[in-house]
């Protein structure tokens, strides 16, 4: 309580812990997104040739995106595994463990033999590395947003928590820069060893993230609740949230599934669509991703800050409504072949789908859950939806384009259907802005 008897949230008297938590979440999520973006770009540009060379190029891209989807399939398993530790041992412990798991798996991709060198073992090992990437990522973002949301003061949770996803945009930008540099190499050198340098570079991001995270303080909400339940035997957080928090789980799942699908369609699928269907030069893809990511850095923070002022639900409704109507005009603009209009579509996709949506989610999703299983609720809801959203979206879109002789119409219908799910769920969701995060009850 302050001198006037008003409640003061943990972390409001000292801004240093929340800034450190925000930086830790930002750079960790930057690593996660960097890992996924460099793989997604490699899938569109080169992996179909070096890991799946003996099949039709269109099928090779589908195979490469299939391996990409495995990383998303592993995310809920990682969320299940680490969430019990996040709600028992603390958010910091998980953030350090997942950091090293993702960093090592990404570095290992750069060491893999090609199909020409090892045959079927090459794509098999690629899938194994993708699985480990996804397993670590399954708890990474949940840990970051929960830690920052529980540390930030009321009135600025959205602003601070959105910085986690500014990190995601920064990871995309960094991945694009690295690919731009590597694509300057001769084609033979790129296919021989240049692509490996991209994955080796993740070691620098891993080290930088660890330097920040090793001095991180635990969430004050977790510390207070840990003392309260000391010696009390309770169900595991996963069992607890499945039994008592199903409403919140379903809300997070359906609110995220459409936004997540759109996010990875704009970040990953459109690259292969532009190359294979519109015959756009492959060197254009990382450049336009870089521009989109730079705009996304601003949009994540802007939408998070606006949600503090105007409410989480209102801002999320604006985002999901825009993305529901955007697919048809987006493809009409893309198919002009005009590079400026293509760039405009991808930039808008990044602003709203890639980072605008998660900029609001960063505070919204933790506020939907009570304190005792918040980490498990956010991790499971987000990561299970990521499998059915971003995990399979590039694969489904590639299959639709192939099945319908290059037509974009089925892809646009698919995008609208997915976003319609998120839009309807958001209409029925509660407002949670500035909710007391110490309470054990979920938002109603």
Protein backbone atom coordinates (compact mmCIF):
# COMPACT_ATOMS: atom_id res chain seq x y z
CA UNK A 1 0.00 0.00 0.00
CA UNK A 2 1.10 3.57 -0.61
CA UNK A 3 0.69 6.32 2.06
CA UNK A 4 -2.84 6.99 0.83
CA UNK A 5 -3.90 3.35 1.17
CA UNK A 6 -3.86 2.53 -2.54
CA UNK A 7 -2.58 -0.79 -3.82
CA UNK A 8 0.87 -0.73 -5.37
CA UNK A 9 1.79 -3.50 -7.76
CA UNK A 10 5.07 -5.29 -7.26
CA UNK A 11 7.89 -3.62 -9.14
CA UNK A 12 6.38 -0.11 -9.22
CA UNK A 13 8.93 1.47 -6.84
CA UNK A 14 12.02 0.40 -8.79
CA UNK A 15 12.08 0.55 -12.58
CA UNK A 16 15.41 -1.31 -12.88
CA UNK A 17 13.93 -4.84 -12.50
CA UNK A 18 11.22 -4.24 -15.10
CA UNK A 19 13.71 -2.76 -17.55
CA UNK A 20 16.03 -5.74 -17.04
CA UNK A 21 13.11 -8.15 -17.46
CA UNK A 22 12.03 -6.36 -20.63
CA UNK A 23 15.54 -6.53 -22.08
CA UNK A 24 15.84 -10.20 -21.14
CA UNK A 25 12.54 -11.00 -22.83
CA UNK A 26 13.40 -8.84 -25.84
CA UNK A 27 16.74 -10.44 -26.64
CA UNK A 28 15.57 -13.99 -25.88
CA UNK A 29 12.60 -13.63 -28.21
CA UNK A 30 14.93 -12.04 -30.76
CA UNK A 31 16.95 -15.26 -30.70
CA UNK A 32 13.81 -17.40 -31.05
CA UNK A 33 12.52 -15.38 -33.97
CA UNK A 34 15.95 -15.20 -35.56
CA UNK A 35 16.16 -19.01 -35.43
CA UNK A 36 12.74 -19.42 -37.03
CA UNK A 37 13.18 -16.69 -39.65
CA UNK A 38 16.57 -17.85 -40.92
CA UNK A 39 15.15 -21.35 -41.24
CA UNK A 40 11.97 -20.11 -42.94
CA UNK A 41 13.99 -18.01 -45.40
CA UNK A 42 16.32 -20.95 -46.05
CA UNK A 43 13.26 -23.11 -46.77
CA UNK A 44 12.08 -20.67 -49.42
CA UNK A 45 15.50 -20.08 -50.97
CA UNK A 46 17.76 -23.13 -50.66
CA UNK A 47 16.75 -26.03 -48.38
CA UNK A 48 14.58 -27.69 -51.02
CA UNK A 49 17.74 -28.03 -53.14
CA UNK A 50 20.26 -29.27 -50.57
CA UNK A 51 18.04 -31.42 -48.34
CA UNK A 52 15.26 -32.49 -50.77
CA UNK A 53 16.99 -32.40 -54.20
CA UNK A 54 15.50 -35.41 -55.98
CA UNK A 55 11.88 -34.26 -56.12
CA UNK A 56 9.87 -31.66 -58.02
CA UNK A 57 10.81 -28.12 -56.83
CA UNK A 58 7.23 -27.35 -55.71
CA UNK A 59 7.10 -30.58 -53.70
CA UNK A 60 10.58 -29.81 -52.36
CA UNK A 61 9.30 -26.53 -50.93
CA UNK A 62 6.37 -28.35 -49.35
CA UNK A 63 8.84 -30.85 -47.83
CA UNK A 64 11.02 -28.02 -46.50
CA UNK A 65 7.97 -26.34 -44.95
CA UNK A 66 6.97 -29.72 -43.52
CA UNK A 67 10.27 -29.84 -41.64
CA UNK A 68 9.59 -26.23 -40.61
CA UNK A 69 6.21 -27.30 -39.20
CA UNK A 70 7.91 -29.91 -36.98
CA UNK A 71 9.41 -27.06 -34.95
CA UNK A 72 5.91 -25.81 -34.24
CA UNK A 73 4.70 -29.30 -33.42
CA UNK A 74 7.38 -29.48 -30.73
CA UNK A 75 6.41 -26.14 -29.18
CA UNK A 76 3.42 -27.36 -27.12
CA UNK A 77 5.51 -30.29 -25.92
CA UNK A 78 8.14 -27.83 -24.75
CA UNK A 79 5.39 -25.74 -23.19
CA UNK A 80 4.09 -28.79 -21.33
CA UNK A 81 7.55 -29.75 -20.12
CA UNK A 82 8.79 -26.33 -19.02
CA UNK A 83 5.53 -24.81 -17.75
CA UNK A 84 5.55 -26.97 -14.61
CA UNK A 85 8.99 -25.58 -13.82
CA UNK A 86 8.00 -22.02 -14.72
CA UNK A 87 5.19 -22.05 -12.15
CA UNK A 88 7.24 -24.00 -9.57
CA UNK A 89 10.91 -23.02 -9.95
CA UNK A 90 10.38 -19.60 -11.48
CA UNK A 91 10.25 -17.78 -14.79
CA UNK A 92 14.01 -17.00 -14.83
CA UNK A 93 15.07 -20.67 -14.59
CA UNK A 94 13.09 -21.56 -17.71
CA UNK A 95 14.30 -18.53 -19.67
CA UNK A 96 17.94 -19.55 -19.20
CA UNK A 97 17.32 -23.25 -19.98
CA UNK A 98 15.35 -22.60 -23.17
CA UNK A 99 17.89 -20.04 -24.33
CA UNK A 100 20.67 -22.60 -24.52
CA UNK A 101 18.44 -25.29 -26.01
CA UNK A 102 17.40 -23.05 -28.92
CA UNK A 103 20.88 -21.67 -29.48
CA UNK A 104 22.54 -25.08 -29.60
CA UNK A 105 19.89 -26.53 -31.94
CA UNK A 106 20.23 -23.63 -34.38
CA UNK A 107 24.03 -23.84 -34.40
CA UNK A 108 23.76 -27.59 -35.04
CA UNK A 109 21.76 -27.01 -38.26
CA UNK A 110 24.84 -25.30 -39.66
CA UNK A 111 26.82 -28.52 -39.05
CA UNK A 112 24.42 -30.84 -40.87
CA UNK A 113 25.48 -32.83 -43.94
CA UNK A 114 23.54 -32.27 -47.17
CA UNK A 115 21.45 -34.92 -48.91
CA UNK A 116 24.29 -35.45 -51.37
CA UNK A 117 26.65 -36.20 -48.46
CA UNK A 118 24.47 -38.32 -46.18
CA UNK A 119 21.33 -39.27 -48.07
CA UNK A 120 18.15 -39.64 -46.01
CA UNK A 121 20.07 -38.89 -42.81
CA UNK A 122 20.39 -35.23 -43.87
CA UNK A 123 16.65 -34.32 -43.78
CA UNK A 124 16.21 -36.63 -40.75
CA UNK A 125 18.81 -34.69 -38.75
CA UNK A 126 17.32 -31.42 -39.98
CA UNK A 127 13.93 -32.43 -38.58
CA UNK A 128 15.57 -33.43 -35.27
CA UNK A 129 17.19 -30.00 -34.93
CA UNK A 130 13.92 -28.29 -35.79
CA UNK A 131 12.24 -30.33 -33.07
CA UNK A 132 14.75 -29.13 -30.46
CA UNK A 133 14.36 -25.54 -31.65
CA UNK A 134 10.60 -25.75 -31.21
CA UNK A 135 10.86 -27.57 -27.88
CA UNK A 136 12.83 -24.67 -26.42
CA UNK A 137 10.72 -22.00 -28.11
CA UNK A 138 7.58 -23.51 -26.60
CA UNK A 139 8.34 -21.92 -23.24
CA UNK A 140 10.45 -18.96 -24.33
CA UNK A 141 7.86 -16.33 -25.23
CA UNK A 142 5.46 -17.35 -22.46
CA UNK A 143 8.26 -16.98 -19.93
CA UNK A 144 9.22 -13.59 -21.27
CA UNK A 145 5.75 -12.04 -21.35
CA UNK A 146 4.69 -13.47 -17.98
CA UNK A 147 7.87 -12.24 -16.27
CA UNK A 148 7.58 -8.74 -17.72
CA UNK A 149 3.81 -8.46 -17.13
CA UNK A 150 4.22 -9.55 -13.50
CA UNK A 151 7.11 -7.12 -12.96
CA UNK A 152 5.71 -4.04 -14.73
CA UNK A 153 3.55 -1.52 -12.85
CA UNK A 154 -0.13 -1.09 -13.59
CA UNK A 155 -0.80 1.40 -16.35
CA UNK A 156 2.25 0.37 -18.35
CA UNK A 157 2.09 -3.44 -18.58
CA UNK A 158 1.21 -3.34 -22.25
CA UNK A 159 4.06 -0.98 -23.04
CA UNK A 160 6.72 -2.97 -21.19
CA UNK A 161 5.46 -6.44 -22.12
CA UNK A 162 5.28 -5.48 -25.81
CA UNK A 163 9.07 -5.07 -25.76
CA UNK A 164 9.31 -8.87 -25.74
CA UNK A 165 7.85 -8.81 -29.24
CA UNK A 166 9.90 -5.82 -30.30
CA UNK A 167 12.63 -8.42 -29.82
CA UNK A 168 10.78 -10.76 -32.18
CA UNK A 169 10.75 -8.06 -34.86
CA UNK A 170 14.42 -7.33 -34.19
CA UNK A 171 15.18 -11.04 -34.64
CA UNK A 172 13.42 -10.97 -38.00
CA UNK A 173 15.38 -7.89 -39.04
CA UNK A 174 18.65 -9.45 -37.94
CA UNK A 175 17.88 -12.64 -39.83
CA UNK A 176 17.07 -10.64 -42.95
CA UNK A 177 20.33 -8.68 -42.70
CA UNK A 178 22.36 -11.88 -42.39
CA UNK A 179 20.64 -13.41 -45.41
CA UNK A 180 21.18 -10.22 -47.45
CA UNK A 181 24.91 -10.40 -46.70
CA UNK A 182 25.19 -14.12 -47.42
CA UNK A 183 23.31 -13.80 -50.72
CA UNK A 184 26.11 -11.52 -51.94
CA UNK A 185 28.26 -14.64 -52.20
CA UNK A 186 28.52 -16.56 -55.49
CA UNK A 187 25.72 -19.12 -55.86
CA UNK A 188 28.12 -22.05 -55.61
CA UNK A 189 29.62 -20.73 -52.38
CA UNK A 190 26.15 -20.03 -50.94
CA UNK A 191 25.02 -23.60 -51.54
CA UNK A 192 28.33 -25.09 -50.39
CA UNK A 193 28.89 -23.29 -47.09
CA UNK A 194 27.34 -19.81 -47.10
CA UNK A 195 24.01 -21.00 -45.71
CA UNK A 196 25.89 -22.62 -42.80
CA UNK A 197 27.31 -19.26 -41.74
CA UNK A 198 23.75 -17.99 -41.21
CA UNK A 199 23.06 -20.70 -38.63
CA UNK A 200 26.49 -20.41 -36.99
CA UNK A 201 25.79 -16.71 -36.39
CA UNK A 202 23.12 -17.60 -33.80
CA UNK A 203 25.89 -18.21 -31.26
CA UNK A 204 26.43 -14.45 -30.93
CA UNK A 205 22.77 -13.80 -30.12
CA UNK A 206 22.79 -16.69 -27.62
CA UNK A 207 25.79 -15.30 -25.75
CA UNK A 208 24.33 -11.78 -25.65
CA UNK A 209 21.04 -13.12 -24.28
CA UNK A 210 22.78 -15.13 -21.57
CA UNK A 211 24.84 -12.14 -20.40
CA UNK A 212 21.59 -10.24 -19.77
CA UNK A 213 19.58 -13.13 -18.33
CA UNK A 214 22.10 -14.37 -15.78
CA UNK A 215 21.55 -11.20 -13.71
CA UNK A 216 17.77 -11.29 -14.07
CA UNK A 217 15.60 -11.10 -10.95
CA UNK A 218 12.58 -13.35 -10.48
CA UNK A 219 9.06 -12.00 -10.93
CA UNK A 220 7.82 -10.30 -7.72
CA UNK A 221 4.39 -11.92 -8.20
CA UNK A 222 6.03 -15.35 -8.37
CA UNK A 223 8.15 -14.60 -5.29
CA UNK A 224 5.11 -13.55 -3.26
CA UNK A 225 2.98 -16.51 -4.32
CA UNK A 226 5.86 -18.92 -3.76
CA UNK A 227 6.05 -17.86 -0.13
CA UNK A 228 2.29 -18.19 0.29
CA UNK A 229 2.11 -21.76 -1.02
CA UNK A 230 5.31 -23.03 0.61
CA UNK A 231 4.59 -26.47 2.05
CA UNK A 232 1.16 -26.67 0.40
CA UNK A 233 0.64 -29.71 -1.84
CA UNK A 234 -1.17 -28.83 -5.05
CA UNK A 235 -1.72 -30.31 -8.46
CA UNK A 236 0.92 -29.51 -11.05
CA UNK A 237 0.30 -26.18 -12.84
CA UNK A 238 -0.47 -28.05 -16.08
CA UNK A 239 -3.09 -30.27 -14.42
CA UNK A 240 -4.44 -27.26 -12.52
CA UNK A 241 -4.93 -25.09 -15.60
CA UNK A 242 -6.48 -27.95 -17.60
CA UNK A 243 -8.93 -28.63 -14.77
CA UNK A 244 -9.75 -25.10 -13.64
CA UNK A 245 -8.58 -22.75 -16.39
CA UNK A 246 -10.07 -24.24 -19.54
CA UNK A 247 -11.97 -21.05 -20.42
CA UNK A 248 -8.75 -19.05 -20.48
CA UNK A 249 -6.95 -21.79 -22.41
CA UNK A 250 -9.62 -21.84 -25.12
CA UNK A 251 -9.64 -18.04 -25.32
CA UNK A 252 -5.88 -17.85 -25.80
CA UNK A 253 -5.92 -20.75 -28.28
CA UNK A 254 -8.58 -19.28 -30.55
CA UNK A 255 -7.48 -15.64 -30.19
CA UNK A 256 -3.96 -16.61 -31.24
CA UNK A 257 -4.54 -19.26 -33.90
CA UNK A 258 -5.60 -16.88 -36.67
CA UNK A 259 -3.10 -14.15 -35.82
CA UNK A 260 -0.30 -16.71 -35.64
CA UNK A 261 -1.25 -18.20 -39.02
CA UNK A 262 -1.25 -14.77 -40.67
CA UNK A 263 2.05 -13.88 -39.03
CA UNK A 264 3.93 -16.80 -40.55
CA UNK A 265 2.16 -16.57 -43.89
CA UNK A 266 3.53 -13.05 -44.27
CA UNK A 267 6.94 -13.89 -42.82
CA UNK A 268 7.55 -17.28 -44.44
CA UNK A 269 5.07 -18.43 -47.10
CA UNK A 270 4.95 -15.24 -49.16
CA UNK A 271 8.68 -15.53 -49.80
CA UNK A 272 8.26 -18.84 -51.64
CA UNK A 273 5.06 -17.58 -53.34
CA UNK A 274 6.84 -14.54 -54.73
CA UNK A 275 9.75 -16.64 -55.99
CA UNK A 276 7.89 -19.63 -57.45
CA UNK A 277 4.64 -18.06 -58.67
CA UNK A 278 5.52 -14.44 -59.45
CA UNK A 279 9.17 -15.09 -60.39
CA UNK A 280 10.46 -12.33 -58.13
CA UNK A 281 14.24 -12.32 -57.64
CA UNK A 282 15.13 -14.31 -54.49
CA UNK A 283 17.47 -11.53 -53.30
CA UNK A 284 14.42 -9.26 -52.91
CA UNK A 285 12.90 -11.44 -50.15
CA UNK A 286 15.30 -10.74 -47.26
CA UNK A 287 15.29 -7.04 -48.18
CA UNK A 288 11.52 -6.69 -47.96
CA UNK A 289 11.50 -8.79 -44.77
CA UNK A 290 13.98 -6.36 -43.27
CA UNK A 291 11.79 -3.37 -44.11
CA UNK A 292 8.73 -5.14 -42.69
CA UNK A 293 10.57 -6.08 -39.50
CA UNK A 294 11.73 -2.50 -38.91
CA UNK A 295 8.13 -1.28 -39.12
CA UNK A 296 7.09 -4.18 -36.87
CA UNK A 297 9.50 -3.07 -34.13
CA UNK A 298 7.51 0.15 -33.89
CA UNK A 299 4.08 -1.48 -34.25
CA UNK A 300 4.59 -3.99 -31.42
CA UNK A 301 5.45 -1.20 -28.98
CA UNK A 302 2.76 1.12 -30.35
CA UNK A 303 -0.08 -1.41 -30.08
CA UNK A 304 1.10 -2.52 -26.62
CA UNK A 305 1.13 1.09 -25.42
CA UNK A 306 -2.25 1.83 -26.99
CA UNK A 307 -3.72 -1.19 -25.18
CA UNK A 308 -2.74 0.45 -21.86
CA UNK A 309 -4.75 3.51 -22.82
CA UNK A 310 -7.70 2.14 -24.81
CA UNK A 311 -7.95 -1.44 -23.55
CA UNK A 312 -6.57 -4.81 -24.66
CA UNK A 313 -9.83 -6.05 -26.20
CA UNK A 314 -10.49 -2.92 -28.28
CA UNK A 315 -7.00 -2.90 -29.80
CA UNK A 316 -7.09 -6.62 -30.52
CA UNK A 317 -10.47 -6.23 -32.22
CA UNK A 318 -9.04 -3.52 -34.50
CA UNK A 319 -6.14 -5.78 -35.48
CA UNK A 320 -8.17 -8.94 -36.09
CA UNK A 321 -10.88 -7.06 -38.02
CA UNK A 322 -8.30 -5.52 -40.35
CA UNK A 323 -6.60 -8.87 -40.95
CA UNK A 324 -9.95 -10.53 -41.66
CA UNK A 325 -10.61 -8.27 -44.65
CA UNK A 326 -6.99 -7.87 -45.81
CA UNK A 327 -6.19 -11.16 -47.67
CA UNK A 328 -8.08 -10.47 -50.92
CA UNK A 329 -6.73 -6.93 -51.50
CA UNK A 330 -3.31 -8.18 -50.36
CA UNK A 331 -3.11 -10.83 -53.11
CA UNK A 332 -4.53 -8.46 -55.72
CA UNK A 333 -1.68 -6.08 -54.93
CA UNK A 334 0.93 -8.86 -54.81
CA UNK A 335 -0.07 -10.19 -58.22
CA UNK A 336 0.58 -6.86 -59.90
CA UNK A 337 4.27 -7.78 -59.62
CA UNK A 338 5.01 -4.19 -58.62
CA UNK A 339 7.81 -4.27 -56.03
CA UNK A 340 6.49 -1.21 -54.18
CA UNK A 341 3.00 -2.72 -53.82
CA UNK A 342 4.49 -6.08 -52.79
CA UNK A 343 6.55 -4.28 -50.15
CA UNK A 344 3.43 -2.41 -48.95
CA UNK A 345 1.52 -5.69 -48.45
CA UNK A 346 4.34 -7.32 -46.51
CA UNK A 347 4.90 -4.21 -44.37
CA UNK A 348 1.19 -4.09 -43.46
CA UNK A 349 1.32 -7.82 -42.71
CA UNK A 350 4.21 -7.25 -40.35
CA UNK A 351 2.61 -4.22 -38.70
CA UNK A 352 -0.69 -5.94 -37.91
CA UNK A 353 -0.17 -9.72 -38.01
CA UNK A 354 3.47 -10.35 -37.21
CA UNK A 355 3.93 -7.93 -34.29
CA UNK A 356 0.87 -5.73 -33.79
CA UNK A 357 -1.21 -8.68 -32.60
CA UNK A 358 1.42 -10.04 -30.21
CA UNK A 359 2.17 -6.53 -28.96
CA UNK A 360 -1.33 -6.61 -27.43
CA UNK A 361 -1.16 -10.29 -26.46
CA UNK A 362 1.95 -9.67 -24.36
CA UNK A 363 -0.10 -8.15 -21.53
CA UNK A 364 -3.55 -9.46 -22.52
CA UNK A 365 -2.84 -13.19 -22.26
CA UNK A 366 -1.13 -13.13 -18.81
CA UNK A 367 -3.99 -11.00 -17.49
CA UNK A 368 -6.53 -13.63 -18.55
CA UNK A 369 -5.16 -16.14 -16.01
CA UNK A 370 -4.93 -16.34 -12.24
CA UNK A 371 -1.55 -16.33 -10.54
CA UNK A 372 -1.04 -19.98 -9.66
CA UNK A 373 -0.98 -21.37 -13.21
CA UNK A 374 -0.43 -18.24 -15.32
CA UNK A 375 2.77 -19.49 -16.94
CA UNK A 376 1.21 -22.84 -17.84
CA UNK A 377 -1.93 -21.17 -19.20
CA UNK A 378 -0.09 -18.73 -21.46
CA UNK A 379 2.45 -21.34 -22.64
CA UNK A 380 -0.08 -24.07 -23.44
CA UNK A 381 -2.68 -21.77 -24.99
CA UNK A 382 -0.19 -19.99 -27.24
CA UNK A 383 1.91 -22.98 -28.22
CA UNK A 384 -0.90 -25.41 -29.03
CA UNK A 385 -2.49 -22.72 -31.18
CA UNK A 386 0.87 -22.08 -32.88
CA UNK A 387 0.83 -25.66 -34.21
CA UNK A 388 -2.54 -25.16 -35.92
CA UNK A 389 -1.70 -21.55 -36.79
CA UNK A 390 1.80 -20.65 -37.92
CA UNK A 391 3.14 -24.19 -37.75
CA UNK A 392 1.12 -25.58 -40.63
CA UNK A 393 0.04 -22.37 -42.36
CA UNK A 394 3.00 -22.17 -44.81
CA UNK A 395 2.60 -25.89 -45.53
CA UNK A 396 -1.16 -25.58 -46.16
CA UNK A 397 -0.73 -22.47 -48.31
CA UNK A 398 1.98 -24.12 -50.42
CA UNK A 399 -0.22 -27.21 -50.87
CA UNK A 400 -3.23 -25.06 -51.84
CA UNK A 401 -1.25 -23.14 -54.45
CA UNK A 402 0.08 -26.41 -55.90
CA UNK A 403 -3.33 -28.13 -55.88
CA UNK A 404 -5.13 -25.18 -57.50
CA UNK A 405 -2.58 -24.53 -60.25
CA UNK A 406 -1.07 -21.42 -58.70
CA UNK A 407 -4.35 -19.72 -57.72
CA UNK A 408 -4.20 -17.43 -54.70
CA UNK A 409 -7.96 -17.52 -54.01
CA UNK A 410 -7.94 -20.69 -51.81
CA UNK A 411 -5.10 -19.18 -49.76
CA UNK A 412 -7.07 -15.97 -49.20
CA UNK A 413 -10.16 -17.98 -48.14
CA UNK A 414 -8.02 -20.01 -45.73
CA UNK A 415 -6.54 -16.82 -44.23
CA UNK A 416 -9.99 -15.26 -43.75
CA UNK A 417 -11.35 -18.41 -42.13
CA UNK A 418 -8.47 -18.59 -39.67
CA UNK A 419 -8.73 -14.92 -38.76
CA UNK A 420 -12.50 -15.19 -38.42
CA UNK A 421 -11.94 -17.61 -35.53
CA UNK A 422 -9.73 -15.10 -33.71
CA UNK A 423 -12.08 -12.20 -34.42
CA UNK A 424 -15.19 -13.96 -33.06
CA UNK A 425 -13.33 -15.15 -29.94
CA UNK A 426 -12.07 -11.63 -29.25
CA UNK A 427 -15.59 -10.21 -29.52
CA UNK A 428 -16.61 -12.53 -26.67
CA UNK A 429 -13.46 -12.05 -24.57
CA UNK A 430 -13.34 -9.93 -21.38
CA UNK A 431 -11.41 -6.70 -20.93
CA UNK A 432 -8.44 -7.19 -18.58
CA UNK A 433 -6.43 -3.98 -18.62
CA UNK A 434 -4.69 -3.29 -15.25
CA UNK A 435 -6.12 -6.44 -13.66
CA UNK A 436 -4.54 -7.43 -10.31
CA UNK A 437 -2.09 -10.20 -11.18
CA UNK A 438 -1.84 -11.42 -7.58
CA UNK A 439 -5.38 -12.78 -7.63
CA UNK A 440 -5.81 -16.53 -8.21
CA UNK A 441 -9.06 -16.21 -10.18
CA UNK A 442 -9.10 -16.07 -13.97
CA UNK A 443 -10.62 -13.11 -15.80
CA UNK A 444 -14.34 -13.53 -16.40
